[in-house]
Amino acid sequence: MKYGELKDLTKDELRQKEAELREALFKLRLRQATTQLENPMRIRQLRRDIARVRTAQRAFEAGPATAPTAGPTAAPAKGGS
């Protein structure tokens, strides 16, 4: 899953997506505990997908007005002789 796919989702859809991913992660962890997990890298992938969803949720809450600035407004003065 890519972040670009998540940007267009609504707040409720993001919440539902996070719940689905957490459920899948829980099931994979249970399978790992019983040594029935075929692809252990899937756990890492799910954790990262959850992080992407949470990032999209935070961006949704913050709104578009929180774009980072280009840099500091004034450069610090350098001491000279």
N, C-alpha and C. Protein backbone atom coordinates (compact mmCIF):
# COMPACT_ATOMS: atom_id res chain seq x y z
N MET A 1 0.83 -1.16 0.00
CA MET A 1 0.00 0.00 0.00
C MET A 1 0.89 1.24 0.00
N LYS A 2 0.52 2.21 -0.79
CA LYS A 2 1.28 3.45 -0.89
C LYS A 2 0.50 4.58 -0.23
N TYR A 3 1.27 5.57 0.23
CA TYR A 3 0.66 6.70 0.92
C TYR A 3 -0.29 7.46 -0.01
N GLY A 4 0.03 7.53 -1.28
CA GLY A 4 -0.82 8.23 -2.23
C GLY A 4 -2.22 7.66 -2.30
N GLU A 5 -2.34 6.36 -2.08
CA GLU A 5 -3.66 5.73 -2.09
C GLU A 5 -4.47 6.14 -0.86
N LEU A 6 -3.79 6.45 0.23
CA LEU A 6 -4.48 6.76 1.47
C LEU A 6 -4.91 8.22 1.56
N LYS A 7 -4.24 9.10 0.82
CA LYS A 7 -4.54 10.52 0.91
C LYS A 7 -5.97 10.85 0.51
N ASP A 8 -6.53 10.05 -0.37
CA ASP A 8 -7.86 10.35 -0.90
C ASP A 8 -8.99 9.75 -0.06
N LEU A 9 -8.67 8.98 0.97
CA LEU A 9 -9.70 8.35 1.79
C LEU A 9 -10.25 9.32 2.82
N THR A 10 -11.49 9.07 3.24
CA THR A 10 -12.10 9.90 4.27
C THR A 10 -11.63 9.45 5.65
N LYS A 11 -12.00 10.21 6.65
CA LYS A 11 -11.60 9.92 8.02
C LYS A 11 -12.13 8.55 8.47
N ASP A 12 -13.38 8.27 8.15
CA ASP A 12 -13.97 6.98 8.53
C ASP A 12 -13.33 5.82 7.79
N GLU A 13 -13.02 6.03 6.52
CA GLU A 13 -12.37 4.98 5.74
C GLU A 13 -10.97 4.69 6.28
N LEU A 14 -10.26 5.73 6.70
CA LEU A 14 -8.94 5.53 7.28
C LEU A 14 -9.03 4.75 8.59
N ARG A 15 -10.02 5.08 9.40
CA ARG A 15 -10.21 4.38 10.67
C ARG A 15 -10.53 2.90 10.42
N GLN A 16 -11.36 2.63 9.42
CA GLN A 16 -11.72 1.26 9.09
C GLN A 16 -10.51 0.50 8.55
N LYS A 17 -9.71 1.16 7.72
CA LYS A 17 -8.51 0.54 7.15
C LYS A 17 -7.52 0.18 8.26
N GLU A 18 -7.36 1.08 9.23
CA GLU A 18 -6.45 0.80 10.34
C GLU A 18 -6.94 -0.41 11.15
N ALA A 19 -8.24 -0.49 11.38
CA ALA A 19 -8.79 -1.63 12.12
C ALA A 19 -8.56 -2.94 11.38
N GLU A 20 -8.74 -2.92 10.06
CA GLU A 20 -8.50 -4.12 9.26
C GLU A 20 -7.04 -4.56 9.33
N LEU A 21 -6.14 -3.59 9.22
CA LEU A 21 -4.72 -3.91 9.25
C LEU A 21 -4.30 -4.43 10.63
N ARG A 22 -4.83 -3.84 11.69
CA ARG A 22 -4.51 -4.31 13.04
C ARG A 22 -5.02 -5.74 13.26
N GLU A 23 -6.19 -6.03 12.73
CA GLU A 23 -6.74 -7.38 12.85
C GLU A 23 -5.86 -8.38 12.10
N ALA A 24 -5.43 -8.01 10.91
CA ALA A 24 -4.56 -8.89 10.13
C ALA A 24 -3.22 -9.10 10.84
N LEU A 25 -2.69 -8.04 11.45
CA LEU A 25 -1.44 -8.15 12.19
C LEU A 25 -1.59 -9.07 13.39
N PHE A 26 -2.71 -8.97 14.09
CA PHE A 26 -2.98 -9.84 15.23
C PHE A 26 -3.01 -11.30 14.81
N LYS A 27 -3.69 -11.57 13.70
CA LYS A 27 -3.78 -12.95 13.22
C LYS A 27 -2.42 -13.49 12.80
N LEU A 28 -1.61 -12.64 12.18
CA LEU A 28 -0.27 -13.08 11.79
C LEU A 28 0.60 -13.37 13.00
N ARG A 29 0.46 -12.56 14.03
CA ARG A 29 1.25 -12.79 15.25
C ARG A 29 0.84 -14.10 15.92
N LEU A 30 -0.45 -14.41 15.88
CA LEU A 30 -0.89 -15.70 16.43
C LEU A 30 -0.31 -16.86 15.63
N ARG A 31 -0.32 -16.72 14.32
CA ARG A 31 0.26 -17.77 13.47
C ARG A 31 1.75 -17.89 13.70
N GLN A 32 2.43 -16.77 13.96
CA GLN A 32 3.87 -16.81 14.22
C GLN A 32 4.15 -17.53 15.53
N ALA A 33 3.30 -17.35 16.52
CA ALA A 33 3.48 -17.99 17.81
C ALA A 33 3.35 -19.50 17.71
N THR A 34 2.55 -19.96 16.76
CA THR A 34 2.38 -21.40 16.58
C THR A 34 3.26 -21.93 15.45
N THR A 35 4.23 -21.12 15.03
CA THR A 35 5.19 -21.47 13.97
C THR A 35 4.53 -21.92 12.67
N GLN A 36 3.44 -21.26 12.30
CA GLN A 36 2.76 -21.58 11.05
C GLN A 36 2.84 -20.42 10.05
N LEU A 37 3.72 -19.48 10.31
CA LEU A 37 3.81 -18.31 9.46
C LEU A 37 4.72 -18.59 8.28
N GLU A 38 4.20 -18.41 7.08
CA GLU A 38 4.96 -18.69 5.87
C GLU A 38 5.89 -17.54 5.50
N ASN A 39 5.42 -16.30 5.67
CA ASN A 39 6.18 -15.14 5.26
C ASN A 39 6.32 -14.17 6.44
N PRO A 40 7.40 -14.26 7.21
CA PRO A 40 7.54 -13.38 8.37
C PRO A 40 7.71 -11.90 8.00
N MET A 41 8.11 -11.60 6.79
CA MET A 41 8.24 -10.20 6.37
C MET A 41 6.88 -9.51 6.25
N ARG A 42 5.83 -10.27 6.18
CA ARG A 42 4.48 -9.70 6.09
C ARG A 42 4.15 -8.91 7.37
N ILE A 43 4.70 -9.33 8.52
CA ILE A 43 4.45 -8.62 9.77
C ILE A 43 5.04 -7.21 9.67
N ARG A 44 6.25 -7.11 9.18
CA ARG A 44 6.89 -5.80 9.02
C ARG A 44 6.09 -4.93 8.06
N GLN A 45 5.64 -5.52 6.98
CA GLN A 45 4.88 -4.78 5.98
C GLN A 45 3.58 -4.24 6.58
N LEU A 46 2.90 -5.06 7.38
CA LEU A 46 1.66 -4.62 7.99
C LEU A 46 1.90 -3.49 9.00
N ARG A 47 2.97 -3.60 9.76
CA ARG A 47 3.29 -2.53 10.73
C ARG A 47 3.54 -1.21 10.01
N ARG A 48 4.23 -1.28 8.90
CA ARG A 48 4.50 -0.06 8.13
C ARG A 48 3.23 0.49 7.48
N ASP A 49 2.36 -0.40 7.02
CA ASP A 49 1.09 0.05 6.46
C ASP A 49 0.24 0.75 7.52
N ILE A 50 0.25 0.22 8.74
CA ILE A 50 -0.48 0.85 9.83
C ILE A 50 0.09 2.24 10.09
N ALA A 51 1.41 2.35 10.06
CA ALA A 51 2.04 3.66 10.26
C ALA A 51 1.65 4.63 9.16
N ARG A 52 1.55 4.16 7.93
CA ARG A 52 1.14 5.03 6.82
C ARG A 52 -0.29 5.52 7.02
N VAL A 53 -1.16 4.62 7.47
CA VAL A 53 -2.55 5.00 7.71
C VAL A 53 -2.62 6.05 8.82
N ARG A 54 -1.86 5.84 9.88
CA ARG A 54 -1.87 6.79 10.99
C ARG A 54 -1.31 8.14 10.55
N THR A 55 -0.31 8.13 9.68
CA THR A 55 0.23 9.38 9.15
C THR A 55 -0.83 10.11 8.33
N ALA A 56 -1.57 9.37 7.52
CA ALA A 56 -2.64 9.97 6.72
C ALA A 56 -3.73 10.53 7.63
N GLN A 57 -4.02 9.84 8.73
CA GLN A 57 -5.02 10.34 9.67
C GLN A 57 -4.55 11.66 10.30
N ARG A 58 -3.29 11.73 10.67
CA ARG A 58 -2.76 12.96 11.27
C ARG A 58 -2.78 14.10 10.25
N ALA A 59 -2.45 13.82 9.01
CA ALA A 59 -2.48 14.84 7.97
C ALA A 59 -3.91 15.31 7.74
N PHE A 60 -4.86 14.41 7.83
CA PHE A 60 -6.27 14.75 7.64
C PHE A 60 -6.74 15.66 8.77
N GLU A 61 -6.30 15.37 10.00
CA GLU A 61 -6.69 16.18 11.14
C GLU A 61 -6.04 17.56 11.10
N ALA A 62 -4.79 17.61 10.66
CA ALA A 62 -4.06 18.87 10.64
C ALA A 62 -4.57 19.80 9.55
N GLY A 63 -5.01 19.25 8.44
CA GLY A 63 -5.51 20.07 7.36
C GLY A 63 -4.40 20.53 6.43
N PRO A 64 -4.73 21.13 5.31
CA PRO A 64 -3.73 21.53 4.32
C PRO A 64 -2.93 22.77 4.71
N ALA A 65 -3.32 23.49 5.75
CA ALA A 65 -2.65 24.74 6.11
C ALA A 65 -1.36 24.53 6.89
N THR A 66 -0.98 23.28 7.15
CA THR A 66 0.20 23.03 7.97
C THR A 66 1.39 22.61 7.12
N ALA A 67 1.55 23.24 5.97
CA ALA A 67 2.68 22.91 5.11
C ALA A 67 3.96 23.44 5.75
N PRO A 68 5.05 22.70 5.64
CA PRO A 68 6.31 23.16 6.24
C PRO A 68 6.83 24.40 5.52
N THR A 69 7.52 25.23 6.25
CA THR A 69 8.07 26.45 5.65
C THR A 69 9.40 26.14 4.97
N ALA A 70 9.86 27.07 4.17
CA ALA A 70 11.09 26.86 3.40
C ALA A 70 12.33 26.93 4.27
N GLY A 71 12.30 27.68 5.34
CA GLY A 71 13.47 27.80 6.19
C GLY A 71 13.25 28.84 7.26
N PRO A 72 14.32 29.18 7.99
CA PRO A 72 14.16 30.19 9.05
C PRO A 72 13.90 31.56 8.45
N THR A 73 13.24 32.40 9.24
CA THR A 73 12.89 33.73 8.73
C THR A 73 14.05 34.68 8.76
N ALA A 74 14.95 34.52 9.72
CA ALA A 74 16.12 35.40 9.80
C ALA A 74 17.36 34.57 10.10
N ALA A 75 18.43 34.86 9.41
CA ALA A 75 19.67 34.13 9.65
C ALA A 75 20.35 34.71 10.88
N PRO A 76 20.94 33.86 11.71
CA PRO A 76 21.63 34.38 12.89
C PRO A 76 22.86 35.19 12.48
N ALA A 77 23.15 36.25 13.25
CA ALA A 77 24.29 37.11 12.95
C ALA A 77 25.58 36.42 13.35
N LYS A 78 26.57 36.51 12.49
CA LYS A 78 27.88 35.91 12.80
C LYS A 78 28.76 36.98 13.44
N GLY A 79 29.46 36.55 14.46
CA GLY A 79 30.36 37.49 15.13
C GLY A 79 31.61 37.74 14.31
N GLY A 80 32.02 38.94 14.21
CA GLY A 80 33.21 39.30 13.44
C GLY A 80 34.21 40.07 14.28
N SER A 81 35.33 40.39 13.72
CA SER A 81 36.32 41.14 14.49
C SER A 81 36.19 42.61 14.31
